Structures are given as structure tokens and as C-alpha cells.
Amino acid sequence: MIHIYEKLGNYALDISKYVLTGVVIASFFRDMENDFAMLYIFGVLFSVLFMIVALFAYSIQNKRESIIKKKKK
């Protein structure tokens, strides 16, 4: 149960990287037009959102590990 937050963090970080990479690669194939500018903005915002979820999951994981280490002593 404890490692689920670490896995969630890894998953969210991977999604963040893939979305950001997809937005960058898509920009190579299309010019920045008005319609696609919103797509890029939403892609970056989505990527940042999943980055925040990943960091939050990692912080929960670290807190749980420190509590377990204190209990073992």
C-alpha cells in the first residue's frame, strides 16, 4: 500500500512528460494558428497539472516512509 503513491507519482510524471512532448512535436508539424494555440496552452496546463499531482504523490510517499522509519526505531 505504501508504494502506491510512488507508482502514482511515476505515472503522473510520465503523463506530464508525454503530453508536453506531444505538444512540442505537434508544433513542428503545424504553424501556430489561433485555433491550435489554445490546444498548446491546454496541453501545457494539463502537463503542469499532472506534474503537481506527481509531486504531491511523492511528498505523501516520503512522509509515510519517514513515519515508518520512526516507528522502527
N, C-alpha and C. Protein backbone atom coordinates (compact mmCIF):
# COMPACT_ATOMS: atom_id res chain seq x y z
N MET A 1 0.82 -1.20 0.00
CA MET A 1 0.00 0.00 0.00
C MET A 1 0.86 1.26 0.00
N ILE A 2 1.99 1.18 0.63
CA ILE A 2 2.83 2.36 0.75
C ILE A 2 3.40 2.78 -0.60
N HIS A 3 3.75 1.84 -1.43
CA HIS A 3 4.40 2.15 -2.70
C HIS A 3 3.40 2.63 -3.76
N ILE A 4 2.13 2.62 -3.45
CA ILE A 4 1.14 3.06 -4.43
C ILE A 4 1.31 4.55 -4.74
N TYR A 5 1.70 5.34 -3.77
CA TYR A 5 1.91 6.77 -4.02
C TYR A 5 3.13 7.01 -4.89
N GLU A 6 4.14 6.17 -4.72
CA GLU A 6 5.32 6.29 -5.58
C GLU A 6 4.96 5.94 -7.01
N LYS A 7 4.18 4.88 -7.19
CA LYS A 7 3.75 4.48 -8.53
C LYS A 7 2.85 5.54 -9.15
N LEU A 8 1.96 6.12 -8.34
CA LEU A 8 1.09 7.19 -8.84
C LEU A 8 1.92 8.40 -9.26
N GLY A 9 2.94 8.72 -8.49
CA GLY A 9 3.83 9.82 -8.84
C GLY A 9 4.56 9.57 -10.14
N ASN A 10 5.07 8.34 -10.30
CA ASN A 10 5.76 7.98 -11.54
C ASN A 10 4.82 8.06 -12.74
N TYR A 11 3.60 7.55 -12.56
CA TYR A 11 2.61 7.57 -13.64
C TYR A 11 2.25 9.00 -14.04
N ALA A 12 1.98 9.84 -13.05
CA ALA A 12 1.62 11.22 -13.34
C ALA A 12 2.77 11.98 -13.99
N LEU A 13 3.98 11.71 -13.56
CA LEU A 13 5.14 12.36 -14.16
C LEU A 13 5.33 11.92 -15.60
N ASP A 14 5.11 10.64 -15.87
CA ASP A 14 5.22 10.14 -17.25
C ASP A 14 4.16 10.78 -18.15
N ILE A 15 2.94 10.88 -17.66
CA ILE A 15 1.88 11.51 -18.45
C ILE A 15 2.24 12.96 -18.73
N SER A 16 2.76 13.65 -17.73
CA SER A 16 3.16 15.04 -17.91
C SER A 16 4.22 15.17 -19.00
N LYS A 17 5.21 14.29 -18.98
CA LYS A 17 6.27 14.34 -20.00
C LYS A 17 5.74 14.01 -21.39
N TYR A 18 4.85 13.02 -21.48
CA TYR A 18 4.32 12.63 -22.78
C TYR A 18 3.44 13.72 -23.39
N VAL A 19 2.63 14.35 -22.58
CA VAL A 19 1.77 15.42 -23.09
C VAL A 19 2.62 16.59 -23.55
N LEU A 20 3.59 16.98 -22.75
CA LEU A 20 4.46 18.09 -23.13
C LEU A 20 5.25 17.76 -24.39
N THR A 21 5.75 16.55 -24.50
CA THR A 21 6.48 16.14 -25.70
C THR A 21 5.56 16.14 -26.91
N GLY A 22 4.32 15.66 -26.73
CA GLY A 22 3.35 15.67 -27.83
C GLY A 22 3.05 17.07 -28.31
N VAL A 23 2.94 18.01 -27.40
CA VAL A 23 2.68 19.40 -27.78
C VAL A 23 3.86 19.97 -28.55
N VAL A 24 5.07 19.69 -28.10
CA VAL A 24 6.26 20.20 -28.78
C VAL A 24 6.39 19.58 -30.17
N ILE A 25 6.18 18.28 -30.28
CA ILE A 25 6.27 17.62 -31.59
C ILE A 25 5.17 18.11 -32.52
N ALA A 26 3.98 18.32 -32.00
CA ALA A 26 2.88 18.83 -32.83
C ALA A 26 3.19 20.22 -33.36
N SER A 27 3.93 21.00 -32.60
CA SER A 27 4.26 22.34 -33.06
C SER A 27 5.22 22.31 -34.25
N PHE A 28 5.98 21.23 -34.40
CA PHE A 28 6.86 21.12 -35.56
C PHE A 28 6.08 20.87 -36.84
N PHE A 29 4.94 20.22 -36.74
CA PHE A 29 4.17 19.86 -37.92
C PHE A 29 3.12 20.90 -38.31
N ARG A 30 2.81 21.79 -37.42
CA ARG A 30 1.81 22.83 -37.71
C ARG A 30 2.35 24.18 -37.29
N ASP A 31 1.91 25.19 -38.00
CA ASP A 31 2.23 26.55 -37.59
C ASP A 31 1.34 26.94 -36.42
N MET A 32 1.79 27.90 -35.66
CA MET A 32 0.98 28.39 -34.54
C MET A 32 -0.16 29.24 -35.09
N GLU A 33 -1.32 28.66 -35.21
CA GLU A 33 -2.50 29.38 -35.64
C GLU A 33 -3.36 29.64 -34.41
N ASN A 34 -4.36 30.44 -34.55
CA ASN A 34 -5.22 30.79 -33.42
C ASN A 34 -5.90 29.57 -32.82
N ASP A 35 -6.40 28.68 -33.66
CA ASP A 35 -7.10 27.50 -33.16
C ASP A 35 -6.16 26.56 -32.42
N PHE A 36 -4.96 26.43 -32.89
CA PHE A 36 -4.04 25.48 -32.29
C PHE A 36 -3.30 26.07 -31.10
N ALA A 37 -3.31 27.38 -30.97
CA ALA A 37 -2.67 28.00 -29.81
C ALA A 37 -3.37 27.56 -28.52
N MET A 38 -4.69 27.47 -28.56
CA MET A 38 -5.42 27.01 -27.38
C MET A 38 -5.07 25.56 -27.06
N LEU A 39 -4.89 24.74 -28.08
CA LEU A 39 -4.51 23.35 -27.87
C LEU A 39 -3.16 23.28 -27.16
N TYR A 40 -2.23 24.10 -27.56
CA TYR A 40 -0.91 24.12 -26.93
C TYR A 40 -1.00 24.61 -25.49
N ILE A 41 -1.83 25.62 -25.27
CA ILE A 41 -1.99 26.15 -23.91
C ILE A 41 -2.59 25.08 -23.01
N PHE A 42 -3.64 24.41 -23.48
CA PHE A 42 -4.25 23.36 -22.68
C PHE A 42 -3.31 22.19 -22.47
N GLY A 43 -2.50 21.88 -23.46
CA GLY A 43 -1.52 20.80 -23.32
C GLY A 43 -0.50 21.12 -22.24
N VAL A 44 -0.01 22.33 -22.23
CA VAL A 44 0.97 22.73 -21.22
C VAL A 44 0.32 22.77 -19.84
N LEU A 45 -0.89 23.29 -19.74
CA LEU A 45 -1.59 23.33 -18.45
C LEU A 45 -1.86 21.92 -17.93
N PHE A 46 -2.27 21.03 -18.81
CA PHE A 46 -2.50 19.64 -18.45
C PHE A 46 -1.21 18.99 -17.96
N SER A 47 -0.13 19.30 -18.63
CA SER A 47 1.16 18.76 -18.25
C SER A 47 1.58 19.26 -16.87
N VAL A 48 1.38 20.54 -16.62
CA VAL A 48 1.72 21.12 -15.32
C VAL A 48 0.83 20.53 -14.22
N LEU A 49 -0.45 20.32 -14.53
CA LEU A 49 -1.35 19.72 -13.55
C LEU A 49 -0.88 18.32 -13.14
N PHE A 50 -0.49 17.51 -14.10
CA PHE A 50 -0.01 16.18 -13.76
C PHE A 50 1.34 16.23 -13.07
N MET A 51 2.14 17.24 -13.34
CA MET A 51 3.41 17.41 -12.62
C MET A 51 3.13 17.71 -11.15
N ILE A 52 2.13 18.52 -10.88
CA ILE A 52 1.76 18.84 -9.50
C ILE A 52 1.23 17.59 -8.79
N VAL A 53 0.41 16.80 -9.47
CA VAL A 53 -0.08 15.55 -8.89
C VAL A 53 1.08 14.63 -8.55
N ALA A 54 2.06 14.55 -9.44
CA ALA A 54 3.22 13.69 -9.20
C ALA A 54 4.00 14.16 -7.99
N LEU A 55 4.23 15.46 -7.88
CA LEU A 55 4.99 15.98 -6.74
C LEU A 55 4.23 15.77 -5.44
N PHE A 56 2.91 15.91 -5.48
CA PHE A 56 2.09 15.68 -4.30
C PHE A 56 2.17 14.21 -3.88
N ALA A 57 2.10 13.31 -4.83
CA ALA A 57 2.19 11.88 -4.52
C ALA A 57 3.56 11.53 -3.95
N TYR A 58 4.61 12.12 -4.49
CA TYR A 58 5.95 11.87 -3.96
C TYR A 58 6.09 12.38 -2.53
N SER A 59 5.48 13.54 -2.24
CA SER A 59 5.58 14.07 -0.89
C SER A 59 4.83 13.19 0.10
N ILE A 60 3.69 12.64 -0.28
CA ILE A 60 2.96 11.71 0.59
C ILE A 60 3.81 10.47 0.83
N GLN A 61 4.43 9.97 -0.22
CA GLN A 61 5.28 8.78 -0.10
C GLN A 61 6.43 9.03 0.87
N ASN A 62 7.07 10.18 0.76
CA ASN A 62 8.20 10.49 1.64
C ASN A 62 7.76 10.63 3.09
N LYS A 63 6.59 11.24 3.32
CA LYS A 63 6.08 11.38 4.69
C LYS A 63 5.78 10.02 5.29
N ARG A 64 5.19 9.13 4.51
CA ARG A 64 4.87 7.80 5.02
C ARG A 64 6.14 7.01 5.32
N GLU A 65 7.14 7.13 4.47
CA GLU A 65 8.39 6.41 4.73
C GLU A 65 9.08 6.93 5.99
N SER A 66 9.03 8.24 6.22
CA SER A 66 9.66 8.79 7.42
C SER A 66 8.91 8.36 8.67
N ILE A 67 7.59 8.24 8.60
CA ILE A 67 6.82 7.77 9.76
C ILE A 67 7.15 6.32 10.07
N ILE A 68 7.29 5.50 9.02
CA ILE A 68 7.62 4.09 9.23
C ILE A 68 9.02 3.94 9.82
N LYS A 69 9.97 4.76 9.35
CA LYS A 69 11.32 4.70 9.90
C LYS A 69 11.34 5.09 11.37
N LYS A 70 10.52 6.08 11.75
CA LYS A 70 10.45 6.48 13.15
C LYS A 70 9.86 5.39 14.03
N LYS A 71 8.88 4.66 13.49
CA LYS A 71 8.25 3.59 14.27
C LYS A 71 9.19 2.41 14.47
N LYS A 72 10.08 2.18 13.52
CA LYS A 72 11.02 1.05 13.63
C LYS A 72 12.07 1.32 14.70
N LYS A 73 12.37 2.57 14.97
CA LYS A 73 13.41 2.90 15.97
C LYS A 73 12.84 2.74 17.32
